[in-house]
Protein backbone atom coordinates (compact mmCIF):
# COMPACT_ATOMS: atom_id res chain seq x y z
CA MET A 1 5.77 157.05 -82.27
CA PRO A 2 7.83 155.02 -79.78
CA THR A 3 8.98 151.53 -80.64
CA PRO A 4 7.54 148.58 -78.67
CA ALA A 5 10.81 148.34 -76.71
CA GLU A 6 10.73 152.04 -75.84
CA GLU A 7 7.07 151.85 -74.80
CA ALA A 8 7.80 148.81 -72.62
CA ALA A 9 10.68 150.64 -70.90
CA ASP A 10 8.42 153.64 -70.35
CA ALA A 11 5.75 151.36 -68.88
CA ALA A 12 8.26 149.77 -66.49
CA SER A 13 9.26 153.21 -65.20
CA ALA A 14 5.64 154.35 -64.90
CA ALA A 15 4.72 151.18 -63.00
CA ALA A 16 7.59 151.72 -60.55
CA ALA A 17 6.50 155.33 -59.98
CA PHE A 18 2.89 154.20 -59.44
CA LEU A 19 3.93 151.56 -56.92
CA ALA A 20 6.12 154.07 -55.07
CA ALA A 21 3.19 156.51 -54.89
CA LEU A 22 1.14 153.85 -53.07
CA ALA A 23 3.56 153.90 -50.12
CA ASP A 24 1.06 156.09 -48.31
CA VAL A 25 -0.40 155.74 -44.83
CA GLY A 26 -3.94 155.87 -46.23
CA VAL A 27 -3.51 152.86 -48.54
CA PRO A 28 -3.73 150.04 -45.93
CA THR A 29 -7.07 151.25 -44.58
CA HIS A 30 -8.77 152.82 -47.59
CA LEU A 31 -7.51 150.58 -50.40
CA VAL A 32 -6.10 147.26 -49.21
CA ALA A 33 -8.67 146.61 -46.47
CA LYS A 34 -11.59 147.43 -48.78
CA VAL A 35 -10.29 145.25 -51.62
CA ARG A 36 -9.86 142.38 -49.17
CA ALA A 37 -13.34 142.95 -47.79
CA ALA A 38 -14.79 142.74 -51.32
CA ALA A 39 -13.03 139.35 -51.64
CA ASP A 40 -14.67 138.05 -48.45
CA GLY A 41 -11.57 138.66 -46.36
CA ALA A 42 -9.22 136.60 -48.52
CA ARG A 43 -5.53 137.46 -48.53
CA GLY A 44 -3.43 138.17 -51.57
CA ALA A 45 -1.96 141.02 -53.58
CA VAL A 46 -3.98 143.98 -54.80
CA PHE A 47 -4.08 143.79 -58.61
CA PHE A 48 -4.55 146.92 -60.70
CA GLU A 49 -4.56 147.09 -64.51
CA ALA A 50 -4.67 150.16 -66.74
CA PRO A 51 -3.24 151.53 -70.01
CA LEU A 52 0.12 153.26 -69.93
CA ALA A 53 -1.33 156.76 -70.37
CA ALA A 54 -3.75 156.18 -67.48
CA VAL A 55 -0.98 154.96 -65.16
CA LYS A 56 1.07 158.06 -65.89
CA SER A 57 -1.92 160.28 -65.19
CA LEU A 58 -2.65 158.49 -61.93
CA VAL A 59 0.91 159.04 -60.74
CA ASN A 60 0.47 162.77 -61.30
CA VAL A 61 -2.94 162.78 -59.64
CA LEU A 62 -1.63 161.01 -56.55
CA GLY A 63 1.23 163.48 -56.32
CA MET A 64 -1.07 166.50 -56.50
CA SER A 65 -3.86 165.25 -54.24
CA GLY A 66 -1.87 164.62 -51.08
CA GLU A 67 -3.94 167.09 -49.05
CA ARG A 68 -7.26 165.41 -49.87
CA PRO A 69 -8.72 162.84 -47.46
CA ALA A 70 -7.32 159.37 -48.09
CA GLU A 71 -10.78 157.87 -48.53
CA GLN A 72 -11.48 160.20 -51.46
CA ARG A 73 -8.06 159.67 -53.00
CA TYR A 74 -8.28 155.89 -53.14
CA ARG A 75 -12.00 155.35 -53.70
CA PRO A 76 -11.58 155.15 -57.52
CA PHE A 77 -8.78 152.58 -57.11
CA VAL A 78 -10.98 150.30 -55.04
CA ALA A 79 -13.52 150.03 -57.86
CA LYS A 80 -10.80 149.17 -60.41
CA SER A 81 -8.78 146.77 -58.25
CA ARG A 82 -9.21 143.14 -57.29
CA LEU A 83 -7.53 140.70 -54.96
CA LEU A 84 -5.03 138.40 -56.67
CA THR A 85 -4.26 135.00 -55.18
CA ARG A 86 -2.03 132.18 -56.39
CA ALA A 87 -5.01 130.53 -58.04
CA ASP A 88 -5.53 133.56 -60.31
CA VAL A 89 -1.94 134.20 -61.39
CA VAL A 90 -2.40 132.73 -64.88
CA ASN A 91 -5.56 134.78 -65.35
CA ALA A 92 -3.62 137.91 -64.42
CA VAL A 93 -0.40 137.60 -66.44
CA GLY A 94 -0.97 134.79 -68.93
CA VAL A 95 0.61 131.39 -69.61
CA GLY A 96 4.00 130.32 -70.90
CA LEU A 97 6.04 132.84 -68.90
CA PRO A 98 9.40 131.99 -67.32
CA ASP A 99 9.30 130.49 -63.85
CA GLU A 100 11.13 133.56 -62.56
CA HIS A 101 8.22 135.77 -63.59
CA TYR A 102 5.64 133.53 -61.96
CA GLY A 103 7.83 133.45 -58.88
CA VAL A 104 7.60 137.23 -58.55
CA VAL A 105 3.82 137.15 -58.49
CA HIS A 106 3.74 134.17 -56.13
CA ARG A 107 6.07 135.90 -53.66
CA LEU A 108 3.96 139.03 -53.67
CA CYS A 109 0.75 137.07 -53.12
CA ASP A 110 2.31 135.08 -50.29
CA GLY A 111 3.97 138.12 -48.73
CA ALA A 112 0.62 139.87 -48.50
CA ASN A 113 -0.67 137.10 -46.24
CA GLY A 114 0.91 138.55 -43.13
CA GLY A 115 4.27 136.91 -43.60
CA GLY A 116 7.35 139.02 -43.01
CA GLY A 117 8.30 142.65 -42.80
CA GLY A 118 5.35 144.19 -41.01
CA GLY A 119 7.39 146.59 -38.91
CA ASP A 120 7.22 146.86 -35.11
CA ASP A 121 3.62 145.60 -35.12
CA ASP A 122 4.47 142.50 -37.11
CA GLY A 123 4.93 139.61 -34.79
CA ALA A 124 2.53 137.09 -33.39
CA ASP A 125 -0.31 139.34 -34.41
CA GLY A 126 1.23 140.46 -37.72
CA ALA A 127 -1.11 138.39 -39.86
CA ASP A 128 -4.14 139.82 -38.11
CA ASP A 129 -3.04 143.46 -38.29
CA ALA A 130 -5.18 144.36 -41.29
CA GLY A 131 -3.13 146.10 -43.92
CA ALA A 132 0.17 146.11 -41.97
CA THR A 133 1.75 143.98 -44.69
CA TYR A 134 0.43 144.12 -48.21
CA ALA A 135 1.47 143.89 -51.85
CA VAL A 136 0.35 145.61 -55.03
CA ILE A 137 0.77 144.35 -58.59
CA VAL A 138 0.20 146.73 -61.48
CA SER A 139 -0.27 145.56 -65.07
CA VAL A 140 0.34 148.28 -67.66
CA ALA A 141 -1.33 147.75 -71.04
CA LEU A 142 0.70 148.74 -74.12
CA SER A 143 -0.55 149.80 -77.53
CA CYS A 144 0.98 146.67 -79.11
CA GLY A 145 -1.42 144.42 -77.20
CA THR A 146 0.91 143.11 -74.48
CA ASN A 147 1.34 144.21 -70.87
CA VAL A 148 4.21 145.06 -68.56
CA VAL A 149 3.76 143.85 -64.98
CA ARG A 150 5.57 144.98 -61.84
CA GLY A 151 4.90 144.56 -58.16
CA ALA A 152 5.92 145.83 -54.75
CA SER A 153 5.57 144.76 -51.14
CA TYR A 154 4.76 147.20 -48.34
CA ALA A 155 5.32 147.24 -44.60
CA ALA A 156 3.23 149.68 -42.56
CA THR A 157 3.99 150.76 -39.01
CA ARG A 158 1.27 152.01 -36.69
CA ASP A 159 1.57 155.25 -34.76
CA GLU A 160 1.90 154.55 -31.03
CA ASP A 161 -0.14 157.64 -30.18
CA ALA A 162 -3.00 156.81 -32.55
CA ALA A 163 -5.56 154.15 -31.85
CA ALA A 164 -6.09 153.68 -35.57
CA GLY A 165 -4.08 154.48 -38.65
CA PHE A 166 -0.48 154.08 -39.68
CA ALA A 167 2.49 156.34 -39.13
CA SER A 168 4.65 155.22 -42.07
CA VAL A 169 4.75 152.83 -45.00
CA VAL A 170 7.91 151.41 -46.58
CA ALA A 171 7.71 150.11 -50.15
CA THR A 172 10.02 147.56 -51.77
CA VAL A 173 9.56 147.49 -55.55
CA ASP A 174 10.59 144.16 -57.06
CA PRO A 175 13.39 144.74 -59.60
CA ILE A 176 12.11 142.02 -61.95
CA VAL A 177 9.92 143.34 -64.76
CA ILE A 178 7.50 140.87 -66.34
CA ASP A 179 7.68 141.78 -70.00
CA PRO A 180 5.90 140.72 -72.08
CA ALA A 181 2.85 139.61 -70.13
CA ALA A 182 -0.64 138.98 -71.41
CA PRO A 183 -3.62 141.20 -70.63
CA SER A 184 -5.65 139.74 -67.81
CA THR A 185 -8.72 137.71 -68.59
CA TRP A 186 -10.77 140.29 -66.70
CA ALA A 187 -9.59 143.09 -68.99
CA MET A 188 -10.46 141.05 -72.08
CA THR A 189 -13.97 140.22 -70.88
CA PRO A 190 -16.49 142.49 -72.66
CA LYS A 191 -18.11 144.91 -70.27
CA SER A 192 -21.19 145.19 -72.49
CA THR A 193 -22.86 142.18 -74.10
CA PRO A 194 -26.16 141.77 -75.96
CA GLU A 195 -27.54 139.94 -72.93
CA SER A 196 -26.27 142.55 -70.47
CA PRO A 197 -25.67 145.89 -72.24
CA THR A 198 -24.36 148.97 -70.48
CA LYS A 199 -25.45 152.57 -70.90
CA ASP A 200 -22.02 153.60 -72.16
CA GLU A 201 -21.83 150.85 -74.78
CA PRO A 202 -25.38 149.97 -75.85
CA TRP A 203 -26.13 147.22 -78.37
CA MET A 204 -28.44 148.36 -81.16
CA TRP A 205 -30.10 146.90 -84.25
CA CYS A 206 -28.56 147.67 -87.62
CA LEU A 207 -30.90 149.03 -90.33
CA ALA A 208 -30.78 150.59 -93.80
CA ARG A 209 -27.67 148.76 -94.95
CA GLY A 210 -25.73 149.85 -91.88
CA GLN A 211 -26.71 153.52 -92.10
CA LYS A 212 -29.21 153.55 -89.21
CA ARG A 213 -29.53 152.10 -85.71
CA ALA A 214 -32.54 151.18 -83.61
CA ASP A 215 -32.76 150.62 -79.84
CA ALA A 216 -35.48 147.96 -80.14
CA LEU A 217 -36.01 145.11 -82.57
CA PRO A 218 -37.74 146.70 -85.58
CA PRO A 219 -40.69 145.10 -87.37
CA PHE A 220 -39.53 142.87 -90.20
CA ALA A 221 -39.28 144.66 -93.52
CA TYR A 222 -37.45 143.01 -96.39
CA LYS A 223 -36.69 146.34 -97.98
CA GLU A 224 -34.92 147.55 -94.85
CA LEU A 225 -33.21 144.34 -93.73
CA LYS A 226 -32.01 142.80 -97.00
CA PRO A 227 -28.20 142.61 -97.30
CA HIS A 228 -26.34 145.15 -99.34
CA PRO A 229 -24.86 143.81 -102.63
CA ILE A 230 -21.12 143.26 -102.36
CA MET A 231 -20.30 143.16 -106.08
CA THR A 232 -20.77 145.96 -108.54
CA PRO A 233 -21.24 145.42 -112.31
CA ARG A 234 -18.24 144.49 -114.38
CA ASN A 235 -15.57 147.20 -114.33
CA ALA A 236 -11.83 147.53 -114.35
CA LEU A 237 -11.59 147.63 -110.55
CA HIS A 238 -13.57 144.48 -109.73
CA LEU A 239 -13.73 141.99 -112.60
CA ARG A 240 -10.90 141.77 -115.07
CA ASP A 241 -11.02 139.96 -118.40
CA VAL A 242 -9.16 136.65 -118.54
CA PRO A 243 -6.16 136.83 -120.91
CA ALA A 244 -6.66 135.12 -124.26
CA GLY A 245 -3.91 132.55 -123.61
CA VAL A 246 -5.60 131.15 -120.49
CA LYS A 247 -7.96 128.20 -120.92
CA LYS A 248 -11.46 129.02 -119.79
CA ALA A 249 -13.94 126.72 -118.10
CA ARG A 250 -17.40 126.46 -119.50
CA SER A 251 -20.26 127.93 -117.60
CA ARG A 252 -22.33 125.71 -115.33
CA SER A 253 -25.25 125.78 -117.75
CA HIS A 254 -23.14 123.90 -120.30
CA TRP A 255 -21.73 121.34 -117.88
CA SER A 256 -22.50 117.67 -118.44
CA PRO A 257 -21.63 114.61 -116.36
CA TYR A 258 -20.60 112.91 -119.62
CA ASP A 259 -17.93 115.46 -120.45
CA PRO A 260 -14.54 113.76 -120.98
CA VAL A 261 -12.05 114.00 -118.11
CA GLY A 262 -8.38 113.23 -117.72
CA VAL A 263 -7.19 109.76 -116.80
CA VAL A 264 -7.03 109.18 -113.05
CA ASN A 265 -6.01 106.27 -110.87
CA ALA A 266 -9.45 105.35 -109.69
CA VAL A 267 -11.34 102.09 -109.38
CA PRO A 268 -14.68 102.24 -111.22
């Protein structure tokens, strides 16, 4: 079992490998453009969050699926990603972090808005060249409950012979590792609620002292719905006899308001 420090170091390496794997010519069109379209054309960094084991698996999957069409490769990422703007930074990484850590996320969000490093295409029309300049932020969830966050900026260059598509993508992984960061508010939001249950995590009614479940509200039956007793009869494991030297209070049935009490500093 790795220590929290070892797991965090492993997560930082896995995040860097994941970000490097996204330096692919299919990402601007089939991931970045679609995430931006889902956010009504807003600009910002693509935010992706997953547990450490999942990030490692995705790195291997991306490495082995290079011959598959780009649309198929990145379709699952589109469903799990969202656009991150400056207004959502606290929701993504938490509060109380050093200014340096917030600065990393701010730079990546601003750099994805068409500013700087777009290659030969990036000029007067750099901001309008969809996907030519983009950024990705990955938040890796650890077993201890915190996250490790890293980001990278990308500059894509179009192929002169192709009317659409990119010829190359250069990635610059930010050396600063945000550790520890908080899980995003989106990851902590329950996917299934009593008001809006999902098929994978249905909400059911508890019956027979917790031994049965029902999909629908059952008819009221006291015998089925009464709570289970939490205390067993007197035994050595639950109720122990009070030692003889300890003064015992009288039971409530013998209590009287006229019983003598100790002197207190009170005004009658």
